[in-house]
Amino acid sequence: MAVSWREPFGWFMDIALIDGTMLVAGVPLVTGVDLLAQYVYLGIPGKLVVLSDGNPFAAPTFDNLGASAHLYYVTDDA
């Protein structure tokens, strides 16, 4: 998995296999939704969600991703 900042739009995520085969590319890090929901056919057992401290639905900025905005993987059994 890789995340990258694309000015002026924000953070985006790519997911690839260990051999480099791209599974999904250019997924925007939108808060409060399961980023994997539209990719259920990949069989990834869980959810990826972005939430920000204080206001969970505040979009992550260039400066706060990993500090006060977080990308969480939530297992299906959680």
PDB file of N, CA and C in Angstrom:
ATOM      1  N   MET A   1       0.853  -1.163   0.000  1.00  0.00           N
ATOM      2  CA  MET A   1       0.000   0.000   0.000  1.00  0.00           C
ATOM      3  C   MET A   1       0.901   1.228   0.000  1.00  0.00           C
ATOM      4  N   ALA A   2       0.489   2.199  -0.765  1.00  0.00           N
ATOM      5  CA  ALA A   2       1.210   3.475  -0.802  1.00  0.00           C
ATOM      6  C   ALA A   2       0.180   4.595  -0.785  1.00  0.00           C
ATOM      7  N   VAL A   3       0.497   5.665  -0.058  1.00  0.00           N
ATOM      8  CA  VAL A   3      -0.329   6.862  -0.083  1.00  0.00           C
ATOM      9  C   VAL A   3       0.528   8.007  -0.602  1.00  0.00           C
ATOM     10  N   SER A   4      -0.112   8.890  -1.344  1.00  0.00           N
ATOM     11  CA  SER A   4       0.621  10.028  -1.899  1.00  0.00           C
ATOM     12  C   SER A   4      -0.272  11.261  -1.895  1.00  0.00           C
ATOM     13  N   TRP A   5       0.387  12.402  -1.746  1.00  0.00           N
ATOM     14  CA  TRP A   5      -0.296  13.697  -1.767  1.00  0.00           C
ATOM     15  C   TRP A   5      -0.308  14.205  -3.194  1.00  0.00           C
ATOM     16  N   ARG A   6      -1.484  14.582  -3.683  1.00  0.00           N
ATOM     17  CA  ARG A   6      -1.619  15.119  -5.038  1.00  0.00           C
ATOM     18  C   ARG A   6      -2.272  16.493  -4.951  1.00  0.00           C
ATOM     19  N   GLU A   7      -1.429  17.499  -5.002  1.00  0.00           N
ATOM     20  CA  GLU A   7      -1.871  18.887  -4.923  1.00  0.00           C
ATOM     21  C   GLU A   7      -2.724  19.213  -6.136  1.00  0.00           C
ATOM     22  N   PRO A   8      -3.842  19.862  -6.048  1.00  0.00           N
ATOM     23  CA  PRO A   8      -4.490  20.432  -4.869  1.00  0.00           C
ATOM     24  C   PRO A   8      -5.566  19.520  -4.278  1.00  0.00           C
ATOM     25  N   PHE A   9      -5.585  18.261  -4.678  1.00  0.00           N
ATOM     26  CA  PHE A   9      -6.724  17.393  -4.361  1.00  0.00           C
ATOM     27  C   PHE A   9      -6.662  16.719  -3.005  1.00  0.00           C
ATOM     28  N   GLY A  10      -5.491  16.277  -2.569  1.00  0.00           N
ATOM     29  CA  GLY A  10      -5.386  15.613  -1.277  1.00  0.00           C
ATOM     30  C   GLY A  10      -4.643  14.292  -1.358  1.00  0.00           C
ATOM     31  N   TRP A  11      -4.922  13.423  -0.390  1.00  0.00           N
ATOM     32  CA  TRP A  11      -4.258  12.133  -0.274  1.00  0.00           C
ATOM     33  C   TRP A  11      -4.966  11.064  -1.091  1.00  0.00           C
ATOM     34  N   PHE A  12      -4.168  10.195  -1.726  1.00  0.00           N
ATOM     35  CA  PHE A  12      -4.681   9.078  -2.514  1.00  0.00           C
ATOM     36  C   PHE A  12      -3.923   7.818  -2.147  1.00  0.00           C
ATOM     37  N   MET A  13      -4.565   6.679  -2.339  1.00  0.00           N
ATOM     38  CA  MET A  13      -3.995   5.393  -1.958  1.00  0.00           C
ATOM     39  C   MET A  13      -3.937   4.456  -3.162  1.00  0.00           C
ATOM     40  N   ASP A  14      -2.847   3.700  -3.237  1.00  0.00           N
ATOM     41  CA  ASP A  14      -2.706   2.608  -4.203  1.00  0.00           C
ATOM     42  C   ASP A  14      -2.450   1.339  -3.405  1.00  0.00           C
ATOM     43  N   ILE A  15      -2.971   0.210  -3.882  1.00  0.00           N
ATOM     44  CA  ILE A  15      -2.715  -1.086  -3.259  1.00  0.00           C
ATOM     45  C   ILE A  15      -2.226  -2.033  -4.344  1.00  0.00           C
ATOM     46  N   ALA A  16      -1.085  -2.674  -4.070  1.00  0.00           N
ATOM     47  CA  ALA A  16      -0.501  -3.607  -5.025  1.00  0.00           C
ATOM     48  C   ALA A  16      -0.110  -4.894  -4.310  1.00  0.00           C
ATOM     49  N   LEU A  17       0.025  -5.959  -5.078  1.00  0.00           N
ATOM     50  CA  LEU A  17       0.551  -7.212  -4.550  1.00  0.00           C
ATOM     51  C   LEU A  17       2.056  -7.079  -4.345  1.00  0.00           C
ATOM     52  N   ILE A  18       2.650  -8.020  -3.641  1.00  0.00           N
ATOM     53  CA  ILE A  18       4.082  -7.984  -3.357  1.00  0.00           C
ATOM     54  C   ILE A  18       4.917  -7.975  -4.639  1.00  0.00           C
ATOM     55  N   ASP A  19       4.389  -8.565  -5.717  1.00  0.00           N
ATOM     56  CA  ASP A  19       5.133  -8.601  -6.987  1.00  0.00           C
ATOM     57  C   ASP A  19       4.947  -7.329  -7.815  1.00  0.00           C
ATOM     58  N   GLY A  20       4.197  -6.360  -7.268  1.00  0.00           N
ATOM     59  CA  GLY A  20       3.990  -5.094  -7.958  1.00  0.00           C
ATOM     60  C   GLY A  20       2.706  -5.008  -8.764  1.00  0.00           C
ATOM     61  N   THR A  21       1.967  -6.110  -8.871  1.00  0.00           N
ATOM     62  CA  THR A  21       0.696  -6.090  -9.598  1.00  0.00           C
ATOM     63  C   THR A  21      -0.275  -5.154  -8.890  1.00  0.00           C
ATOM     64  N   MET A  22      -0.709  -4.115  -9.593  1.00  0.00           N
ATOM     65  CA  MET A  22      -1.598  -3.112  -9.013  1.00  0.00           C
ATOM     66  C   MET A  22      -3.012  -3.680  -8.870  1.00  0.00           C
ATOM     67  N   LEU A  23      -3.570  -3.572  -7.666  1.00  0.00           N
ATOM     68  CA  LEU A  23      -4.949  -3.998  -7.426  1.00  0.00           C
ATOM     69  C   LEU A  23      -5.911  -2.824  -7.549  1.00  0.00           C
ATOM     70  N   VAL A  24      -5.601  -1.717  -6.888  1.00  0.00           N
ATOM     71  CA  VAL A  24      -6.394  -0.490  -7.004  1.00  0.00           C
ATOM     72  C   VAL A  24      -5.431   0.688  -7.005  1.00  0.00           C
ATOM     73  N   ALA A  25      -5.797   1.721  -7.719  1.00  0.00           N
ATOM     74  CA  ALA A  25      -4.931   2.899  -7.815  1.00  0.00           C
ATOM     75  C   ALA A  25      -5.775   4.164  -7.758  1.00  0.00           C
ATOM     76  N   GLY A  26      -5.245   5.166  -7.081  1.00  0.00           N
ATOM     77  CA  GLY A  26      -5.880   6.474  -7.067  1.00  0.00           C
ATOM     78  C   GLY A  26      -7.136   6.574  -6.239  1.00  0.00           C
ATOM     79  N   VAL A  27      -7.211   5.823  -5.143  1.00  0.00           N
ATOM     80  CA  VAL A  27      -8.386   5.885  -4.266  1.00  0.00           C
ATOM     81  C   VAL A  27      -8.220   7.083  -3.326  1.00  0.00           C
ATOM     82  N   PRO A  28      -9.118   8.070  -3.385  1.00  0.00           N
ATOM     83  CA  PRO A  28      -8.986   9.233  -2.499  1.00  0.00           C
ATOM     84  C   PRO A  28      -9.244   8.842  -1.053  1.00  0.00           C
ATOM     85  N   LEU A  29      -8.470   9.403  -0.132  1.00  0.00           N
ATOM     86  CA  LEU A  29      -8.656   9.132   1.293  1.00  0.00           C
ATOM     87  C   LEU A  29      -9.774  10.023   1.823  1.00  0.00           C
ATOM     88  N   VAL A  30     -10.992   9.547   1.658  1.00  0.00           N
ATOM     89  CA  VAL A  30     -12.205  10.240   2.089  1.00  0.00           C
ATOM     90  C   VAL A  30     -12.534   9.778   3.504  1.00  0.00           C
ATOM     91  N   THR A  31     -12.860  10.696   4.389  1.00  0.00           N
ATOM     92  CA  THR A  31     -13.142  10.339   5.780  1.00  0.00           C
ATOM     93  C   THR A  31     -14.518   9.714   5.941  1.00  0.00           C
ATOM     94  N   GLY A  32     -14.605   8.824   6.941  1.00  0.00           N
ATOM     95  CA  GLY A  32     -15.893   8.298   7.377  1.00  0.00           C
ATOM     96  C   GLY A  32     -16.526   7.233   6.517  1.00  0.00           C
ATOM     97  N   VAL A  33     -15.822   6.711   5.516  1.00  0.00           N
ATOM     98  CA  VAL A  33     -16.369   5.645   4.677  1.00  0.00           C
ATOM     99  C   VAL A  33     -15.366   4.509   4.595  1.00  0.00           C
ATOM    100  N   ASP A  34     -15.849   3.315   4.238  1.00  0.00           N
ATOM    101  CA  ASP A  34     -14.966   2.182   4.015  1.00  0.00           C
ATOM    102  C   ASP A  34     -14.358   2.328   2.621  1.00  0.00           C
ATOM    103  N   LEU A  35     -13.067   2.596   2.571  1.00  0.00           N
ATOM    104  CA  LEU A  35     -12.398   2.808   1.283  1.00  0.00           C
ATOM    105  C   LEU A  35     -12.335   1.540   0.442  1.00  0.00           C
ATOM    106  N   LEU A  36     -12.520   0.379   1.062  1.00  0.00           N
ATOM    107  CA  LEU A  36     -12.474  -0.889   0.335  1.00  0.00           C
ATOM    108  C   LEU A  36     -13.849  -1.384  -0.093  1.00  0.00           C
ATOM    109  N   ALA A  37     -14.911  -0.705   0.279  1.00  0.00           N
ATOM    110  CA  ALA A  37     -16.274  -1.187   0.018  1.00  0.00           C
ATOM    111  C   ALA A  37     -16.520  -1.491  -1.452  1.00  0.00           C
ATOM    112  N   GLN A  38     -16.027  -0.668  -2.333  1.00  0.00           N
ATOM    113  CA  GLN A  38     -16.272  -0.897  -3.760  1.00  0.00           C
ATOM    114  C   GLN A  38     -15.350  -1.964  -4.353  1.00  0.00           C
ATOM    115  N   TYR A  39     -14.411  -2.472  -3.541  1.00  0.00           N
ATOM    116  CA  TYR A  39     -13.461  -3.481  -4.007  1.00  0.00           C
ATOM    117  C   TYR A  39     -13.648  -4.805  -3.285  1.00  0.00           C
ATOM    118  N   VAL A  40     -14.871  -5.124  -2.889  1.00  0.00           N
ATOM    119  CA  VAL A  40     -15.163  -6.350  -2.151  1.00  0.00           C
ATOM    120  C   VAL A  40     -14.715  -7.584  -2.939  1.00  0.00           C
ATOM    121  N   TYR A  41     -14.726  -7.519  -4.247  1.00  0.00           N
ATOM    122  CA  TYR A  41     -14.321  -8.644  -5.092  1.00  0.00           C
ATOM    123  C   TYR A  41     -12.847  -9.028  -4.909  1.00  0.00           C
ATOM    124  N   LEU A  42     -12.045  -8.152  -4.304  1.00  0.00           N
ATOM    125  CA  LEU A  42     -10.639  -8.473  -4.054  1.00  0.00           C
ATOM    126  C   LEU A  42     -10.472  -9.434  -2.878  1.00  0.00           C
ATOM    127  N   GLY A  43     -11.512  -9.552  -2.055  1.00  0.00           N
ATOM    128  CA  GLY A  43     -11.464 -10.478  -0.932  1.00  0.00           C
ATOM    129  C   GLY A  43     -10.610 -10.011   0.237  1.00  0.00           C
ATOM    130  N   ILE A  44     -10.366  -8.716   0.347  1.00  0.00           N
ATOM    131  CA  ILE A  44      -9.606  -8.187   1.484  1.00  0.00           C
ATOM    132  C   ILE A  44     -10.541  -8.209   2.698  1.00  0.00           C
ATOM    133  N   PRO A  45     -10.190  -8.980   3.732  1.00  0.00           N
ATOM    134  CA  PRO A  45     -11.109  -9.193   4.857  1.00  0.00           C
ATOM    135  C   PRO A  45     -11.048  -8.075   5.892  1.00  0.00           C
ATOM    136  N   GLY A  46     -11.630  -6.957   5.591  1.00  0.00           N
ATOM    137  CA  GLY A  46     -11.657  -5.848   6.534  1.00  0.00           C
ATOM    138  C   GLY A  46     -12.029  -4.555   5.858  1.00  0.00           C
ATOM    139  N   LYS A  47     -11.868  -3.475   6.607  1.00  0.00           N
ATOM    140  CA  LYS A  47     -12.201  -2.143   6.106  1.00  0.00           C
ATOM    141  C   LYS A  47     -11.000  -1.226   6.280  1.00  0.00           C
ATOM    142  N   LEU A  48     -10.898  -0.234   5.422  1.00  0.00           N
ATOM    143  CA  LEU A  48      -9.940   0.855   5.577  1.00  0.00           C
ATOM    144  C   LEU A  48     -10.741   2.131   5.735  1.00  0.00           C
ATOM    145  N   VAL A  49     -10.515   2.846   6.823  1.00  0.00           N
ATOM    146  CA  VAL A  49     -11.232   4.096   7.066  1.00  0.00           C
ATOM    147  C   VAL A  49     -10.251   5.183   7.493  1.00  0.00           C
ATOM    148  N   VAL A  50     -10.568   6.416   7.131  1.00  0.00           N
ATOM    149  CA  VAL A  50      -9.788   7.579   7.542  1.00  0.00           C
ATOM    150  C   VAL A  50     -10.639   8.381   8.518  1.00  0.00           C
ATOM    151  N   LEU A  51     -10.061   8.698   9.667  1.00  0.00           N
ATOM    152  CA  LEU A  51     -10.733   9.528  10.667  1.00  0.00           C
ATOM    153  C   LEU A  51      -9.736  10.532  11.212  1.00  0.00           C
ATOM    154  N   SER A  52     -10.228  11.704  11.568  1.00  0.00           N
ATOM    155  CA  SER A  52      -9.382  12.748  12.146  1.00  0.00           C
ATOM    156  C   SER A  52      -9.751  12.963  13.599  1.00  0.00           C
ATOM    157  N   ASP A  53      -8.735  13.261  14.425  1.00  0.00           N
ATOM    158  CA  ASP A  53      -8.978  13.566  15.835  1.00  0.00           C
ATOM    159  C   ASP A  53      -9.819  14.846  15.936  1.00  0.00           C
ATOM    160  N   GLY A  54     -10.643  14.918  16.962  1.00  0.00           N
ATOM    161  CA  GLY A  54     -11.480  16.103  17.155  1.00  0.00           C
ATOM    162  C   GLY A  54     -12.714  16.050  16.284  1.00  0.00           C
ATOM    163  N   ASN A  55     -12.561  16.234  15.000  1.00  0.00           N
ATOM    164  CA  ASN A  55     -13.654  16.138  14.035  1.00  0.00           C
ATOM    165  C   ASN A  55     -13.363  14.943  13.135  1.00  0.00           C
ATOM    166  N   PRO A  56     -13.994  13.783  13.373  1.00  0.00           N
ATOM    167  CA  PRO A  56     -13.675  12.580  12.619  1.00  0.00           C
ATOM    168  C   PRO A  56     -13.843  12.719  11.102  1.00  0.00           C
ATOM    169  N   PHE A  57     -14.661  13.673  10.672  1.00  0.00           N
ATOM    170  CA  PHE A  57     -14.934  13.801   9.247  1.00  0.00           C
ATOM    171  C   PHE A  57     -14.144  14.912   8.565  1.00  0.00           C
ATOM    172  N   ALA A  58     -13.206  15.524   9.286  1.00  0.00           N
ATOM    173  CA  ALA A  58     -12.334  16.539   8.681  1.00  0.00           C
ATOM    174  C   ALA A  58     -11.348  15.842   7.749  1.00  0.00           C
ATOM    175  N   ALA A  59     -11.231  16.349   6.546  1.00  0.00           N
ATOM    176  CA  ALA A  59     -10.330  15.741   5.559  1.00  0.00           C
ATOM    177  C   ALA A  59      -8.877  15.829   6.028  1.00  0.00           C
ATOM    178  N   PRO A  60      -8.101  14.759   5.804  1.00  0.00           N
ATOM    179  CA  PRO A  60      -6.688  14.814   6.175  1.00  0.00           C
ATOM    180  C   PRO A  60      -5.942  15.821   5.300  1.00  0.00           C
ATOM    181  N   THR A  61      -5.042  16.554   5.920  1.00  0.00           N
ATOM    182  CA  THR A  61      -4.255  17.549   5.194  1.00  0.00           C
ATOM    183  C   THR A  61      -2.857  17.010   4.934  1.00  0.00           C
ATOM    184  N   PHE A  62      -2.085  17.759   4.180  1.00  0.00           N
ATOM    185  CA  PHE A  62      -0.700  17.376   3.904  1.00  0.00           C
ATOM    186  C   PHE A  62       0.078  17.208   5.203  1.00  0.00           C
ATOM    187  N   ASP A  63      -0.183  18.077   6.173  1.00  0.00           N
ATOM    188  CA  ASP A  63       0.588  18.091   7.413  1.00  0.00           C
ATOM    189  C   ASP A  63       0.079  17.167   8.511  1.00  0.00           C
ATOM    190  N   ASN A  64      -1.180  16.718   8.452  1.00  0.00           N
ATOM    191  CA  ASN A  64      -1.679  15.993   9.620  1.00  0.00           C
ATOM    192  C   ASN A  64      -1.914  14.495   9.432  1.00  0.00           C
ATOM    193  N   LEU A  65      -1.776  13.954   8.225  1.00  0.00           N
ATOM    194  CA  LEU A  65      -1.965  12.516   8.060  1.00  0.00           C
ATOM    195  C   LEU A  65      -0.875  11.784   8.830  1.00  0.00           C
ATOM    196  N   GLY A  66      -1.298  10.923   9.734  1.00  0.00           N
ATOM    197  CA  GLY A  66      -0.366  10.203  10.590  1.00  0.00           C
ATOM    198  C   GLY A  66      -0.139  10.881  11.924  1.00  0.00           C
ATOM    199  N   ALA A  67      -0.570  12.134  12.049  1.00  0.00           N
ATOM    200  CA  ALA A  67      -0.430  12.860  13.314  1.00  0.00           C
ATOM    201  C   ALA A  67      -1.801  12.990  13.989  1.00  0.00           C
ATOM    202  N   SER A  68      -2.708  13.742  13.376  1.00  0.00           N
ATOM    203  CA  SER A  68      -4.057  13.865  13.935  1.00  0.00           C
ATOM    204  C   SER A  68      -5.133  13.346  12.985  1.00  0.00           C
ATOM    205  N   ALA A  69      -4.743  12.909  11.800  1.00  0.00           N
ATOM    206  CA  ALA A  69      -5.627  12.197  10.875  1.00  0.00           C
ATOM    207  C   ALA A  69      -4.992  10.828  10.645  1.00  0.00           C
ATOM    208  N   HIS A  70      -5.825   9.788  10.649  1.00  0.00           N
ATOM    209  CA  HIS A  70      -5.291   8.432  10.649  1.00  0.00           C
ATOM    210  C   HIS A  70      -6.015   7.543   9.656  1.00  0.00           C
ATOM    211  N   LEU A  71      -5.278   6.625   9.053  1.00  0.00           N
ATOM    212  CA  LEU A  71      -5.834   5.583   8.186  1.00  0.00           C
ATOM    213  C   LEU A  71      -5.844   4.305   9.004  1.00  0.00           C
ATOM    214  N   TYR A  72      -7.034   3.760   9.243  1.00  0.00           N
ATOM    215  CA  TYR A  72      -7.187   2.576  10.076  1.00  0.00           C
ATOM    216  C   TYR A  72      -7.613   1.383   9.229  1.00  0.00           C
ATOM    217  N   TYR A  73      -7.034   0.226   9.550  1.00  0.00           N
ATOM    218  CA  TYR A  73      -7.518  -1.043   9.006  1.00  0.00           C
ATOM    219  C   TYR A  73      -8.312  -1.714  10.118  1.00  0.00           C
ATOM    220  N   VAL A  74      -9.568  -2.045   9.838  1.00  0.00           N
ATOM    221  CA  VAL A  74     -10.453  -2.657  10.815  1.00  0.00           C
ATOM    222  C   VAL A  74     -10.811  -4.052  10.319  1.00  0.00           C
ATOM    223  N   THR A  75     -10.474  -5.064  11.122  1.00  0.00           N
ATOM    224  CA  THR A  75     -10.774  -6.430  10.707  1.00  0.00           C
ATOM    225  C   THR A  75     -12.271  -6.698  10.780  1.00  0.00           C
ATOM    226  N   ASP A  76     -12.724  -7.666  10.011  1.00  0.00           N
ATOM    227  CA  ASP A  76     -14.149  -7.997   9.995  1.00  0.00           C
ATOM    228  C   ASP A  76     -14.639  -8.535  11.328  1.00  0.00           C
ATOM    229  N   ASP A  77     -13.739  -9.105  12.124  1.00  0.00           N
ATOM    230  CA  ASP A  77     -14.160  -9.668  13.404  1.00  0.00           C
ATOM    231  C   ASP A  77     -14.095  -8.669  14.547  1.00  0.00           C
ATOM    232  N   ALA A  78     -13.816  -7.386  14.234  1.00  0.00           N
ATOM    233  CA  ALA A  78     -13.722  -6.365  15.277  1.00  0.00           C
ATOM    234  C   ALA A  78     -15.092  -5.875  15.695  1.00  0.00           C
TER     235      ALA A  78
END
